[in-house]
């Protein structure tokens, strides 16, 4: 078994309060399915990026503290799962389910 990250991506400007109840039911059902299959190690939803703190290592070796997300790009990680799975193909299938349940793009990536 290998561990895989399935990371949920949302576009900046996404309003969590606009998420519908059907989506939340679908996410709950997906979590239940993962638990029943014995693959879920950890799941976590993340608070908004404006609550993030970024630590920047400077070339001099000091660490600067900045408010907000590290990457200022069009999307951000909104939540993730860590799953124990037998193959990359199985991870992609769980990723498909996550994309459908969350109505968003997901990234599937193996751990070392």
N, C-alpha and C. Protein backbone atom coordinates (compact mmCIF):
# COMPACT_ATOMS: atom_id res chain seq x y z
N UNK A 1 0.84 -1.19 0.00
CA UNK A 1 0.00 0.00 0.00
C UNK A 1 0.88 1.24 0.00
N UNK A 2 0.43 2.25 -0.71
CA UNK A 2 1.08 3.54 -0.75
C UNK A 2 0.10 4.61 -0.30
N UNK A 3 0.64 5.72 0.17
CA UNK A 3 -0.22 6.83 0.55
C UNK A 3 -0.27 7.85 -0.58
N UNK A 4 -1.46 8.38 -0.78
CA UNK A 4 -1.70 9.38 -1.81
C UNK A 4 -2.40 10.58 -1.21
N UNK A 5 -2.05 11.75 -1.71
CA UNK A 5 -2.73 12.99 -1.36
C UNK A 5 -3.74 13.28 -2.45
N UNK A 6 -4.95 13.58 -2.05
CA UNK A 6 -5.97 14.08 -2.97
C UNK A 6 -6.31 15.47 -2.46
N UNK A 7 -5.84 16.49 -3.18
CA UNK A 7 -5.98 17.88 -2.75
C UNK A 7 -7.06 18.57 -3.58
N UNK A 8 -7.96 19.23 -2.90
CA UNK A 8 -9.07 19.96 -3.51
C UNK A 8 -8.64 21.39 -3.79
N UNK A 9 -8.84 21.85 -5.02
CA UNK A 9 -8.46 23.21 -5.42
C UNK A 9 -9.71 24.03 -5.71
N UNK A 10 -9.69 25.26 -5.25
CA UNK A 10 -10.78 26.21 -5.50
C UNK A 10 -10.20 27.49 -6.10
N UNK A 11 -10.97 28.19 -6.90
CA UNK A 11 -10.49 29.47 -7.44
C UNK A 11 -10.58 30.55 -6.36
N UNK A 12 -9.63 31.51 -6.40
CA UNK A 12 -9.73 32.65 -5.50
C UNK A 12 -11.06 33.34 -5.77
N UNK A 13 -11.66 33.82 -4.71
CA UNK A 13 -12.97 34.43 -4.82
C UNK A 13 -14.10 33.46 -4.53
N UNK A 14 -13.76 32.17 -4.37
CA UNK A 14 -14.77 31.16 -4.03
C UNK A 14 -15.39 31.50 -2.69
N UNK A 15 -16.70 31.53 -2.64
CA UNK A 15 -17.42 31.85 -1.41
C UNK A 15 -17.93 30.56 -0.78
N UNK A 16 -17.33 30.10 0.33
CA UNK A 16 -17.76 28.84 0.94
C UNK A 16 -19.23 28.82 1.33
N UNK A 17 -19.77 29.97 1.67
CA UNK A 17 -21.18 30.00 2.06
C UNK A 17 -22.10 29.72 0.87
N UNK A 18 -21.57 29.86 -0.33
CA UNK A 18 -22.37 29.61 -1.51
C UNK A 18 -22.46 28.12 -1.83
N UNK A 19 -21.64 27.30 -1.17
CA UNK A 19 -21.69 25.86 -1.41
C UNK A 19 -23.06 25.33 -1.01
N UNK A 20 -23.61 24.46 -1.84
CA UNK A 20 -24.96 23.98 -1.56
C UNK A 20 -24.97 22.75 -0.65
N UNK A 21 -26.12 22.51 -0.07
CA UNK A 21 -26.27 21.39 0.85
C UNK A 21 -26.05 20.05 0.16
N UNK A 22 -26.44 19.94 -1.11
CA UNK A 22 -26.25 18.69 -1.85
C UNK A 22 -24.76 18.36 -1.96
N UNK A 23 -23.93 19.37 -2.18
CA UNK A 23 -22.49 19.14 -2.26
C UNK A 23 -21.97 18.63 -0.91
N UNK A 24 -22.40 19.23 0.17
CA UNK A 24 -21.95 18.78 1.50
C UNK A 24 -22.40 17.35 1.78
N UNK A 25 -23.60 17.00 1.36
CA UNK A 25 -24.06 15.62 1.52
C UNK A 25 -23.19 14.67 0.69
N UNK A 26 -22.83 15.09 -0.54
CA UNK A 26 -21.99 14.25 -1.40
C UNK A 26 -20.60 14.07 -0.79
N UNK A 27 -20.04 15.12 -0.19
CA UNK A 27 -18.73 15.02 0.46
C UNK A 27 -18.81 14.10 1.67
N UNK A 28 -19.87 14.24 2.46
CA UNK A 28 -20.05 13.35 3.61
C UNK A 28 -20.17 11.89 3.15
N UNK A 29 -20.91 11.66 2.08
CA UNK A 29 -21.06 10.29 1.55
C UNK A 29 -19.72 9.76 1.06
N UNK A 30 -18.91 10.60 0.41
CA UNK A 30 -17.59 10.18 -0.05
C UNK A 30 -16.71 9.82 1.14
N UNK A 31 -16.74 10.64 2.19
CA UNK A 31 -15.96 10.32 3.40
C UNK A 31 -16.40 9.00 4.00
N UNK A 32 -17.71 8.77 4.06
CA UNK A 32 -18.22 7.49 4.58
C UNK A 32 -17.74 6.32 3.73
N UNK A 33 -17.74 6.51 2.40
CA UNK A 33 -17.29 5.45 1.49
C UNK A 33 -15.80 5.15 1.69
N UNK A 34 -15.00 6.20 1.88
CA UNK A 34 -13.57 6.01 2.11
C UNK A 34 -13.32 5.25 3.41
N UNK A 35 -14.05 5.60 4.46
CA UNK A 35 -13.91 4.92 5.75
C UNK A 35 -14.33 3.46 5.61
N UNK A 36 -15.46 3.22 4.94
CA UNK A 36 -15.95 1.85 4.76
C UNK A 36 -14.97 1.00 3.96
N UNK A 37 -14.28 1.63 3.00
CA UNK A 37 -13.30 0.91 2.18
C UNK A 37 -11.97 0.73 2.92
N UNK A 38 -11.82 1.39 4.06
CA UNK A 38 -10.60 1.26 4.85
C UNK A 38 -9.41 1.97 4.24
N UNK A 39 -9.63 3.01 3.43
CA UNK A 39 -8.52 3.69 2.76
C UNK A 39 -8.18 5.05 3.35
N UNK A 40 -9.10 5.66 4.07
CA UNK A 40 -8.88 7.02 4.55
C UNK A 40 -7.95 7.04 5.76
N UNK A 41 -6.88 7.81 5.67
CA UNK A 41 -5.95 8.01 6.77
C UNK A 41 -6.29 9.30 7.49
N UNK A 42 -6.53 10.36 6.70
CA UNK A 42 -6.80 11.67 7.27
C UNK A 42 -7.55 12.50 6.25
N UNK A 43 -8.41 13.37 6.73
CA UNK A 43 -9.10 14.33 5.88
C UNK A 43 -9.11 15.67 6.60
N UNK A 44 -8.99 16.75 5.85
CA UNK A 44 -9.02 18.06 6.49
C UNK A 44 -9.45 19.14 5.52
N UNK A 45 -10.40 19.95 5.95
CA UNK A 45 -10.77 21.15 5.21
C UNK A 45 -9.98 22.30 5.79
N UNK A 46 -9.61 23.23 4.95
CA UNK A 46 -8.78 24.35 5.39
C UNK A 46 -9.59 25.64 5.47
N UNK A 47 -9.26 26.47 6.42
CA UNK A 47 -9.89 27.79 6.56
C UNK A 47 -9.41 28.69 5.43
N UNK A 48 -10.05 29.84 5.23
CA UNK A 48 -9.70 30.73 4.11
C UNK A 48 -8.23 31.15 4.12
N UNK A 49 -7.72 31.44 2.92
CA UNK A 49 -6.30 31.79 2.76
C UNK A 49 -5.91 33.07 3.48
N UNK A 50 -6.87 33.94 3.75
CA UNK A 50 -6.50 35.17 4.46
C UNK A 50 -6.16 34.89 5.93
N UNK A 51 -6.42 33.68 6.40
CA UNK A 51 -6.04 33.28 7.76
C UNK A 51 -4.69 32.56 7.79
N UNK A 52 -4.08 32.37 6.61
CA UNK A 52 -2.78 31.70 6.53
C UNK A 52 -1.66 32.64 6.96
N UNK A 53 -0.58 32.05 7.41
CA UNK A 53 0.66 32.76 7.70
C UNK A 53 1.76 32.07 6.92
N UNK A 54 2.55 32.83 6.19
CA UNK A 54 3.63 32.29 5.37
C UNK A 54 4.97 32.62 6.01
N UNK A 55 5.85 31.65 6.07
CA UNK A 55 7.19 31.84 6.60
C UNK A 55 8.17 31.74 5.42
N UNK A 56 8.91 32.82 5.18
CA UNK A 56 9.82 32.91 4.04
C UNK A 56 11.26 32.83 4.53
N UNK A 57 11.99 31.83 4.05
CA UNK A 57 13.41 31.70 4.36
C UNK A 57 14.19 32.61 3.43
N UNK A 58 14.92 33.58 3.99
CA UNK A 58 15.68 34.51 3.17
C UNK A 58 17.04 33.92 2.83
N UNK A 59 17.72 34.54 1.87
CA UNK A 59 19.06 34.07 1.48
C UNK A 59 20.07 34.23 2.62
N UNK A 60 19.78 35.11 3.57
CA UNK A 60 20.67 35.29 4.72
C UNK A 60 20.41 34.27 5.83
N UNK A 61 19.36 33.49 5.67
CA UNK A 61 19.05 32.46 6.67
C UNK A 61 18.03 32.86 7.70
N UNK A 62 17.54 34.09 7.65
CA UNK A 62 16.49 34.49 8.59
C UNK A 62 15.13 34.06 8.01
N UNK A 63 14.13 34.09 8.86
CA UNK A 63 12.79 33.70 8.45
C UNK A 63 11.86 34.88 8.64
N UNK A 64 11.24 35.31 7.55
CA UNK A 64 10.28 36.40 7.59
C UNK A 64 8.87 35.83 7.72
N UNK A 65 8.05 36.49 8.50
CA UNK A 65 6.66 36.08 8.68
C UNK A 65 5.77 37.04 7.91
N UNK A 66 4.91 36.48 7.06
CA UNK A 66 3.99 37.29 6.27
C UNK A 66 2.57 36.74 6.43
N UNK A 67 1.63 37.65 6.45
CA UNK A 67 0.22 37.24 6.52
C UNK A 67 -0.25 36.82 5.14
N UNK A 68 -1.09 35.80 5.09
CA UNK A 68 -1.68 35.36 3.83
C UNK A 68 -0.99 34.14 3.26
N UNK A 69 -1.57 33.66 2.16
CA UNK A 69 -1.08 32.45 1.51
C UNK A 69 0.27 32.69 0.84
N UNK A 70 1.05 31.63 0.73
CA UNK A 70 2.36 31.71 0.11
C UNK A 70 2.25 31.99 -1.39
N UNK A 71 1.47 31.19 -2.06
CA UNK A 71 1.31 31.35 -3.50
C UNK A 71 0.14 32.28 -3.80
N UNK A 72 0.38 33.25 -4.63
CA UNK A 72 -0.67 34.16 -5.07
C UNK A 72 -0.99 33.82 -6.52
N UNK A 73 -1.75 32.76 -6.69
CA UNK A 73 -2.12 32.29 -8.02
C UNK A 73 -3.64 32.22 -8.10
N UNK A 74 -4.16 31.71 -9.17
CA UNK A 74 -5.60 31.71 -9.38
C UNK A 74 -6.39 30.73 -8.53
N UNK A 75 -5.72 29.73 -7.95
CA UNK A 75 -6.42 28.74 -7.14
C UNK A 75 -5.68 28.51 -5.83
N UNK A 76 -6.38 27.90 -4.88
CA UNK A 76 -5.78 27.57 -3.59
C UNK A 76 -6.27 26.20 -3.16
N UNK A 77 -5.51 25.55 -2.27
CA UNK A 77 -5.92 24.26 -1.71
C UNK A 77 -6.94 24.53 -0.63
N UNK A 78 -8.12 23.93 -0.78
CA UNK A 78 -9.24 24.16 0.14
C UNK A 78 -9.40 23.02 1.14
N UNK A 79 -8.85 21.87 0.83
CA UNK A 79 -8.94 20.72 1.71
C UNK A 79 -8.22 19.55 1.06
N UNK A 80 -8.12 18.44 1.80
CA UNK A 80 -7.39 17.30 1.25
C UNK A 80 -7.73 16.02 1.99
N UNK A 81 -7.39 14.91 1.35
CA UNK A 81 -7.47 13.58 1.94
C UNK A 81 -6.09 12.95 1.83
N UNK A 82 -5.74 12.11 2.78
CA UNK A 82 -4.60 11.21 2.67
C UNK A 82 -5.19 9.81 2.70
N UNK A 83 -4.89 9.03 1.65
CA UNK A 83 -5.47 7.69 1.52
C UNK A 83 -4.38 6.64 1.38
N UNK A 84 -4.60 5.46 1.95
CA UNK A 84 -3.76 4.28 1.73
C UNK A 84 -4.37 3.50 0.59
N UNK A 85 -3.63 3.37 -0.52
CA UNK A 85 -4.18 2.74 -1.71
C UNK A 85 -3.16 1.80 -2.34
N UNK A 86 -3.68 0.86 -3.12
CA UNK A 86 -2.83 -0.16 -3.74
C UNK A 86 -2.13 0.32 -5.00
N UNK A 87 -2.67 1.35 -5.67
CA UNK A 87 -2.09 1.73 -6.96
C UNK A 87 -2.44 3.18 -7.31
N UNK A 88 -1.67 3.76 -8.22
CA UNK A 88 -2.01 5.10 -8.72
C UNK A 88 -3.38 5.12 -9.41
N UNK A 89 -3.73 4.04 -10.06
CA UNK A 89 -5.04 3.97 -10.73
C UNK A 89 -6.18 4.07 -9.73
N UNK A 90 -6.02 3.40 -8.59
CA UNK A 90 -7.03 3.48 -7.54
C UNK A 90 -7.11 4.91 -7.00
N UNK A 91 -5.95 5.56 -6.86
CA UNK A 91 -5.93 6.94 -6.39
C UNK A 91 -6.68 7.86 -7.35
N UNK A 92 -6.51 7.64 -8.63
CA UNK A 92 -7.20 8.45 -9.63
C UNK A 92 -8.71 8.24 -9.54
N UNK A 93 -9.13 7.02 -9.29
CA UNK A 93 -10.57 6.77 -9.15
C UNK A 93 -11.15 7.50 -7.94
N UNK A 94 -10.43 7.48 -6.82
CA UNK A 94 -10.89 8.24 -5.65
C UNK A 94 -10.85 9.73 -5.96
N UNK A 95 -9.85 10.18 -6.71
CA UNK A 95 -9.78 11.57 -7.12
C UNK A 95 -10.97 11.98 -7.97
N UNK A 96 -11.39 11.11 -8.87
CA UNK A 96 -12.60 11.38 -9.69
C UNK A 96 -13.82 11.59 -8.79
N UNK A 97 -13.96 10.71 -7.80
CA UNK A 97 -15.09 10.81 -6.88
C UNK A 97 -15.02 12.12 -6.09
N UNK A 98 -13.81 12.50 -5.67
CA UNK A 98 -13.65 13.74 -4.92
C UNK A 98 -14.00 14.95 -5.78
N UNK A 99 -13.55 14.95 -7.03
CA UNK A 99 -13.86 16.07 -7.93
C UNK A 99 -15.36 16.22 -8.12
N UNK A 100 -16.04 15.09 -8.29
CA UNK A 100 -17.50 15.14 -8.47
C UNK A 100 -18.20 15.62 -7.20
N UNK A 101 -17.82 15.05 -6.05
CA UNK A 101 -18.48 15.40 -4.79
C UNK A 101 -18.25 16.86 -4.44
N UNK A 102 -17.04 17.35 -4.67
CA UNK A 102 -16.68 18.72 -4.27
C UNK A 102 -16.99 19.75 -5.35
N UNK A 103 -17.31 19.24 -6.55
CA UNK A 103 -17.58 20.14 -7.68
C UNK A 103 -16.40 21.08 -7.92
N UNK A 104 -15.21 20.46 -7.93
CA UNK A 104 -13.98 21.24 -8.06
C UNK A 104 -12.86 20.36 -8.62
N UNK A 105 -11.78 21.00 -9.03
CA UNK A 105 -10.59 20.28 -9.47
C UNK A 105 -9.88 19.67 -8.28
N UNK A 106 -9.26 18.53 -8.50
CA UNK A 106 -8.44 17.92 -7.46
C UNK A 106 -7.10 17.50 -8.06
N UNK A 107 -6.12 17.40 -7.21
CA UNK A 107 -4.79 16.92 -7.59
C UNK A 107 -4.54 15.63 -6.83
N UNK A 108 -4.04 14.62 -7.52
CA UNK A 108 -3.69 13.34 -6.91
C UNK A 108 -2.17 13.22 -6.98
N UNK A 109 -1.55 12.99 -5.82
CA UNK A 109 -0.09 12.91 -5.80
C UNK A 109 0.36 11.89 -4.77
N UNK A 110 1.30 10.99 -5.15
CA UNK A 110 1.80 10.02 -4.19
C UNK A 110 2.78 10.63 -3.21
N UNK A 111 2.83 10.07 -2.00
CA UNK A 111 3.85 10.41 -1.03
C UNK A 111 5.08 9.55 -1.30
N UNK A 112 6.25 10.02 -0.85
CA UNK A 112 7.45 9.19 -0.93
C UNK A 112 7.31 8.05 0.02
